[in-house]
């Protein structure tokens, strides 16, 4: 978020101005920039486009970790218990 803030300041834009340019409320953008909120991917792409750094998306978004998914796939599947007849 610090790099986004620095890009905004380099353009001499307020948080409200940048939020307006990407179609967010000032509060939603402020929460994102300070680390208290998240943006939808579509809004993140708009933000990077407005800042002219959309080509650097790979540097901003962390690489997803596939390890937990692989581990889950290697575990035996759980079987649901069958119903016991009422008696």
Protein backbone atom coordinates (compact mmCIF):
# COMPACT_ATOMS: atom_id res chain seq x y z
CA UNK A 1 0.00 0.00 0.00
CA UNK A 2 2.94 2.30 0.59
CA UNK A 3 3.90 2.22 -3.09
CA UNK A 4 0.33 3.08 -4.07
CA UNK A 5 0.37 6.00 -1.63
CA UNK A 6 3.67 7.23 -3.06
CA UNK A 7 2.28 7.02 -6.61
CA UNK A 8 -0.75 9.04 -5.50
CA UNK A 9 1.38 11.67 -3.81
CA UNK A 10 3.71 11.91 -6.82
CA UNK A 11 0.66 13.05 -8.81
CA UNK A 12 -0.32 15.46 -6.05
CA UNK A 13 -3.74 13.78 -5.67
CA UNK A 14 -5.69 13.58 -2.44
CA UNK A 15 -7.22 10.29 -1.36
CA UNK A 16 -10.59 11.72 -2.33
CA UNK A 17 -9.37 12.57 -5.84
CA UNK A 18 -7.93 9.12 -6.47
CA UNK A 19 -11.04 7.48 -5.03
CA UNK A 20 -13.20 9.54 -7.39
CA UNK A 21 -11.06 8.55 -10.37
CA UNK A 22 -11.51 4.83 -9.66
CA UNK A 23 -15.14 5.05 -8.57
CA UNK A 24 -14.80 4.40 -4.84
CA UNK A 25 -15.82 6.32 -1.78
CA UNK A 26 -13.02 8.23 -0.10
CA UNK A 27 -13.47 6.10 3.00
CA UNK A 28 -13.17 2.80 1.07
CA UNK A 29 -9.98 4.01 -0.59
CA UNK A 30 -8.60 5.38 2.68
CA UNK A 31 -9.21 2.04 4.39
CA UNK A 32 -7.38 0.26 1.57
CA UNK A 33 -4.41 2.62 1.58
CA UNK A 34 -3.98 2.39 5.35
CA UNK A 35 -4.30 -1.41 5.35
CA UNK A 36 -7.68 -1.63 7.07
CA UNK A 37 -9.67 -2.64 4.00
CA UNK A 38 -9.49 -4.62 0.80
CA UNK A 39 -10.34 -3.84 -2.80
CA UNK A 40 -12.11 -6.09 -5.24
CA UNK A 41 -9.81 -7.23 -8.01
CA UNK A 42 -11.68 -5.09 -10.52
CA UNK A 43 -11.11 -1.98 -8.38
CA UNK A 44 -7.45 -2.87 -7.92
CA UNK A 45 -7.04 -3.11 -11.70
CA UNK A 46 -8.80 0.28 -12.09
CA UNK A 47 -6.51 1.77 -9.45
CA UNK A 48 -3.37 0.49 -11.16
CA UNK A 49 -4.67 1.71 -14.52
CA UNK A 50 -5.36 5.21 -13.20
CA UNK A 51 -1.86 5.30 -11.71
CA UNK A 52 -0.39 4.04 -14.98
CA UNK A 53 1.23 1.00 -13.38
CA UNK A 54 -1.10 -1.78 -14.54
CA UNK A 55 1.87 -3.52 -16.17
CA UNK A 56 3.33 -3.95 -12.69
CA UNK A 57 0.37 -5.97 -11.35
CA UNK A 58 2.60 -9.00 -10.79
CA UNK A 59 4.78 -6.93 -8.45
CA UNK A 60 1.83 -5.75 -6.37
CA UNK A 61 -0.21 -8.95 -6.02
CA UNK A 62 1.46 -11.67 -3.93
CA UNK A 63 2.12 -15.03 -5.53
CA UNK A 64 -0.55 -17.50 -4.40
CA UNK A 65 0.65 -20.51 -2.51
CA UNK A 66 -0.56 -23.80 -3.94
CA UNK A 67 0.99 -25.98 -1.27
CA UNK A 68 -2.06 -26.22 1.04
CA UNK A 69 -4.24 -27.21 -1.92
CA UNK A 70 -1.81 -29.94 -2.97
CA UNK A 71 -1.67 -31.26 0.58
CA UNK A 72 -5.45 -31.35 0.70
CA UNK A 73 -5.55 -33.32 -2.53
CA UNK A 74 -3.09 -35.88 -1.20
CA UNK A 75 -5.15 -36.58 1.91
CA UNK A 76 -7.61 -39.47 1.69
CA UNK A 77 -11.15 -38.35 1.00
CA UNK A 78 -13.52 -38.41 3.91
CA UNK A 79 -16.56 -40.60 3.62
CA UNK A 80 -19.88 -39.47 4.96
CA UNK A 81 -21.34 -41.78 7.56
CA UNK A 82 -24.41 -43.65 6.42
CA UNK A 83 -27.73 -43.22 8.19
CA UNK A 84 -28.56 -45.63 10.92
CA UNK A 85 -32.03 -47.14 10.69
CA UNK A 86 -34.40 -45.94 13.38
CA UNK A 87 -35.32 -48.60 15.65
